[in-house]
Amino acid sequence: MVEVIRHLSALIMPGLLVLFFTRVTYNRIIGLVLTVALIAASVYKGYTNTFVLIVIDAFSLTAGFWLAAKMKPKTVKKIDG
């Protein structure tokens, strides 16, 4: 059961973190770098201990980076009147 939670978290969390950091910093590259730093710390501490989890993390990072590129800032229309 713990392995299933680890794999689902690896599939979802990095992508969401990239999106979150992109929204906070207004820069998708910085969002990606911050998320990679968190994953590197996770690998260093031993929480991500298999190659499969690292591959799933990388896939999620790629998907989150792609979605961050698709996000567009909302523009406010100015009403002249």
N, C-alpha and C. Protein backbone atom coordinates (compact mmCIF):
# COMPACT_ATOMS: atom_id res chain seq x y z
N MET A 1 0.82 -1.20 0.00
CA MET A 1 0.00 0.00 0.00
C MET A 1 0.86 1.26 0.00
N VAL A 2 1.97 1.21 0.73
CA VAL A 2 2.86 2.37 0.81
C VAL A 2 3.48 2.65 -0.56
N GLU A 3 3.81 1.59 -1.29
CA GLU A 3 4.41 1.77 -2.62
C GLU A 3 3.41 2.40 -3.60
N VAL A 4 2.15 2.05 -3.47
CA VAL A 4 1.13 2.63 -4.35
C VAL A 4 1.01 4.13 -4.07
N ILE A 5 1.03 4.51 -2.81
CA ILE A 5 0.95 5.92 -2.45
C ILE A 5 2.19 6.67 -2.95
N ARG A 6 3.36 6.05 -2.84
CA ARG A 6 4.58 6.69 -3.34
C ARG A 6 4.51 6.92 -4.84
N HIS A 7 4.04 5.92 -5.58
CA HIS A 7 3.96 6.05 -7.03
C HIS A 7 2.91 7.08 -7.45
N LEU A 8 1.78 7.10 -6.79
CA LEU A 8 0.75 8.11 -7.11
C LEU A 8 1.23 9.51 -6.75
N SER A 9 1.91 9.64 -5.64
CA SER A 9 2.46 10.95 -5.26
C SER A 9 3.52 11.40 -6.26
N ALA A 10 4.35 10.48 -6.71
CA ALA A 10 5.38 10.83 -7.70
C ALA A 10 4.75 11.22 -9.03
N LEU A 11 3.59 10.69 -9.32
CA LEU A 11 2.91 11.01 -10.58
C LEU A 11 2.21 12.36 -10.53
N ILE A 12 1.75 12.77 -9.36
CA ILE A 12 0.91 13.97 -9.26
C ILE A 12 1.66 15.17 -8.67
N MET A 13 2.37 14.98 -7.58
CA MET A 13 2.92 16.11 -6.82
C MET A 13 3.95 16.97 -7.57
N PRO A 14 4.93 16.40 -8.27
CA PRO A 14 5.89 17.28 -8.95
C PRO A 14 5.25 18.20 -9.98
N GLY A 15 4.28 17.69 -10.73
CA GLY A 15 3.58 18.53 -11.70
C GLY A 15 2.82 19.65 -11.04
N LEU A 16 2.16 19.34 -9.93
CA LEU A 16 1.44 20.39 -9.21
C LEU A 16 2.39 21.41 -8.60
N LEU A 17 3.54 20.95 -8.13
CA LEU A 17 4.52 21.88 -7.57
C LEU A 17 5.08 22.82 -8.64
N VAL A 18 5.32 22.29 -9.84
CA VAL A 18 5.78 23.16 -10.92
C VAL A 18 4.73 24.22 -11.21
N LEU A 19 3.47 23.82 -11.28
CA LEU A 19 2.39 24.78 -11.53
C LEU A 19 2.30 25.81 -10.40
N PHE A 20 2.40 25.35 -9.16
CA PHE A 20 2.31 26.25 -8.01
C PHE A 20 3.45 27.26 -8.01
N PHE A 21 4.68 26.77 -8.16
CA PHE A 21 5.83 27.67 -8.15
C PHE A 21 5.82 28.61 -9.34
N THR A 22 5.28 28.14 -10.47
CA THR A 22 5.16 29.02 -11.63
C THR A 22 4.19 30.16 -11.36
N ARG A 23 3.10 29.85 -10.71
CA ARG A 23 2.12 30.89 -10.38
C ARG A 23 2.66 31.87 -9.34
N VAL A 24 3.45 31.37 -8.42
CA VAL A 24 3.99 32.22 -7.36
C VAL A 24 5.10 33.12 -7.90
N THR A 25 6.01 32.57 -8.72
CA THR A 25 7.15 33.34 -9.18
C THR A 25 6.93 34.02 -10.53
N TYR A 26 5.84 33.70 -11.22
CA TYR A 26 5.55 34.24 -12.55
C TYR A 26 6.61 33.86 -13.58
N ASN A 27 7.32 32.76 -13.35
CA ASN A 27 8.35 32.30 -14.27
C ASN A 27 8.37 30.78 -14.22
N ARG A 28 8.12 30.14 -15.36
CA ARG A 28 8.03 28.68 -15.34
C ARG A 28 9.39 28.01 -15.19
N ILE A 29 10.47 28.66 -15.62
CA ILE A 29 11.80 28.08 -15.45
C ILE A 29 12.17 28.02 -13.97
N ILE A 30 11.89 29.09 -13.26
CA ILE A 30 12.17 29.12 -11.82
C ILE A 30 11.30 28.10 -11.09
N GLY A 31 10.04 27.96 -11.50
CA GLY A 31 9.17 26.95 -10.92
C GLY A 31 9.72 25.55 -11.11
N LEU A 32 10.25 25.28 -12.30
CA LEU A 32 10.84 23.97 -12.58
C LEU A 32 12.10 23.76 -11.74
N VAL A 33 12.94 24.76 -11.64
CA VAL A 33 14.19 24.63 -10.88
C VAL A 33 13.90 24.40 -9.39
N LEU A 34 12.93 25.12 -8.84
CA LEU A 34 12.58 24.92 -7.43
C LEU A 34 12.05 23.51 -7.18
N THR A 35 11.24 23.00 -8.10
CA THR A 35 10.70 21.65 -7.94
C THR A 35 11.79 20.60 -8.08
N VAL A 36 12.70 20.80 -9.03
CA VAL A 36 13.82 19.86 -9.17
C VAL A 36 14.68 19.87 -7.91
N ALA A 37 14.86 21.04 -7.31
CA ALA A 37 15.63 21.12 -6.07
C ALA A 37 14.95 20.33 -4.95
N LEU A 38 13.64 20.42 -4.87
CA LEU A 38 12.92 19.64 -3.84
C LEU A 38 13.03 18.14 -4.10
N ILE A 39 12.96 17.74 -5.35
CA ILE A 39 13.09 16.32 -5.67
C ILE A 39 14.52 15.85 -5.39
N ALA A 40 15.51 16.68 -5.68
CA ALA A 40 16.90 16.32 -5.39
C ALA A 40 17.10 16.14 -3.88
N ALA A 41 16.50 17.00 -3.10
CA ALA A 41 16.58 16.84 -1.64
C ALA A 41 15.89 15.55 -1.20
N SER A 42 14.79 15.21 -1.85
CA SER A 42 14.08 13.97 -1.53
C SER A 42 14.93 12.75 -1.86
N VAL A 43 15.62 12.79 -2.99
CA VAL A 43 16.51 11.69 -3.36
C VAL A 43 17.68 11.60 -2.38
N TYR A 44 18.23 12.74 -2.01
CA TYR A 44 19.35 12.78 -1.08
C TYR A 44 18.97 12.19 0.28
N LYS A 45 17.76 12.50 0.75
CA LYS A 45 17.31 12.00 2.05
C LYS A 45 16.89 10.53 2.00
N GLY A 46 16.70 9.99 0.79
CA GLY A 46 16.37 8.58 0.67
C GLY A 46 14.90 8.27 0.50
N TYR A 47 14.07 9.28 0.31
CA TYR A 47 12.64 9.04 0.14
C TYR A 47 12.31 8.52 -1.26
N THR A 48 13.06 8.97 -2.24
CA THR A 48 12.90 8.47 -3.60
C THR A 48 14.06 7.52 -3.83
N ASN A 49 13.79 6.23 -3.67
CA ASN A 49 14.89 5.29 -3.62
C ASN A 49 14.94 4.31 -4.79
N THR A 50 14.04 4.40 -5.74
CA THR A 50 14.08 3.50 -6.88
C THR A 50 14.14 4.30 -8.18
N PHE A 51 14.68 3.67 -9.19
CA PHE A 51 14.80 4.31 -10.49
C PHE A 51 13.42 4.59 -11.09
N VAL A 52 12.46 3.71 -10.83
CA VAL A 52 11.11 3.89 -11.36
C VAL A 52 10.48 5.17 -10.81
N LEU A 53 10.67 5.44 -9.52
CA LEU A 53 10.13 6.66 -8.93
C LEU A 53 10.77 7.91 -9.54
N ILE A 54 12.05 7.83 -9.85
CA ILE A 54 12.73 8.97 -10.46
C ILE A 54 12.20 9.22 -11.86
N VAL A 55 11.93 8.15 -12.61
CA VAL A 55 11.36 8.29 -13.96
C VAL A 55 9.96 8.87 -13.88
N ILE A 56 9.16 8.42 -12.93
CA ILE A 56 7.80 8.95 -12.78
C ILE A 56 7.85 10.42 -12.38
N ASP A 57 8.77 10.78 -11.50
CA ASP A 57 8.96 12.19 -11.13
C ASP A 57 9.32 13.03 -12.36
N ALA A 58 10.21 12.52 -13.19
CA ALA A 58 10.63 13.25 -14.39
C ALA A 58 9.46 13.43 -15.35
N PHE A 59 8.64 12.41 -15.50
CA PHE A 59 7.47 12.52 -16.36
C PHE A 59 6.51 13.58 -15.83
N SER A 60 6.29 13.56 -14.53
CA SER A 60 5.39 14.54 -13.92
C SER A 60 5.95 15.95 -14.04
N LEU A 61 7.26 16.10 -13.88
CA LEU A 61 7.88 17.42 -14.06
C LEU A 61 7.67 17.93 -15.49
N THR A 62 7.84 17.03 -16.45
CA THR A 62 7.66 17.42 -17.84
C THR A 62 6.21 17.83 -18.11
N ALA A 63 5.27 17.07 -17.59
CA ALA A 63 3.85 17.41 -17.77
C ALA A 63 3.51 18.73 -17.09
N GLY A 64 4.02 18.96 -15.90
CA GLY A 64 3.78 20.21 -15.20
C GLY A 64 4.40 21.40 -15.91
N PHE A 65 5.59 21.21 -16.47
CA PHE A 65 6.25 22.27 -17.22
C PHE A 65 5.46 22.61 -18.48
N TRP A 66 4.94 21.57 -19.15
CA TRP A 66 4.12 21.78 -20.34
C TRP A 66 2.82 22.53 -19.99
N LEU A 67 2.18 22.12 -18.90
CA LEU A 67 0.95 22.81 -18.48
C LEU A 67 1.24 24.24 -18.06
N ALA A 68 2.38 24.48 -17.45
CA ALA A 68 2.74 25.84 -17.06
C ALA A 68 2.93 26.72 -18.30
N ALA A 69 3.42 26.13 -19.38
CA ALA A 69 3.57 26.89 -20.62
C ALA A 69 2.21 27.20 -21.24
N LYS A 70 1.24 26.34 -21.01
CA LYS A 70 -0.11 26.55 -21.56
C LYS A 70 -0.93 27.55 -20.76
N MET A 71 -0.53 27.79 -19.50
CA MET A 71 -1.25 28.76 -18.69
C MET A 71 -1.02 30.15 -19.24
N LYS A 72 -2.06 30.90 -19.36
CA LYS A 72 -1.92 32.27 -19.84
C LYS A 72 -2.46 33.21 -18.77
N PRO A 73 -1.80 34.33 -18.60
CA PRO A 73 -2.32 35.29 -17.63
C PRO A 73 -3.66 35.84 -18.09
N LYS A 74 -4.54 36.04 -17.16
CA LYS A 74 -5.83 36.61 -17.50
C LYS A 74 -5.67 38.09 -17.79
N THR A 75 -6.21 38.50 -18.90
CA THR A 75 -6.13 39.91 -19.26
C THR A 75 -7.43 40.60 -18.86
N VAL A 76 -7.31 41.79 -18.42
CA VAL A 76 -8.45 42.57 -18.01
C VAL A 76 -8.80 43.52 -19.15
N LYS A 77 -10.03 43.40 -19.60
CA LYS A 77 -10.46 44.30 -20.67
C LYS A 77 -10.83 45.64 -20.07
N LYS A 78 -10.34 46.66 -20.72
CA LYS A 78 -10.63 48.00 -20.30
C LYS A 78 -11.87 48.48 -21.05
N ILE A 79 -12.83 48.94 -20.31
CA ILE A 79 -14.06 49.43 -20.93
C ILE A 79 -13.96 50.94 -21.06
N ASP A 80 -13.96 51.39 -22.29
CA ASP A 80 -13.93 52.82 -22.54
C ASP A 80 -15.37 53.33 -22.54
N GLY A 81 -15.61 54.35 -21.84
CA GLY A 81 -16.97 54.81 -21.87
C GLY A 81 -17.13 56.12 -21.36
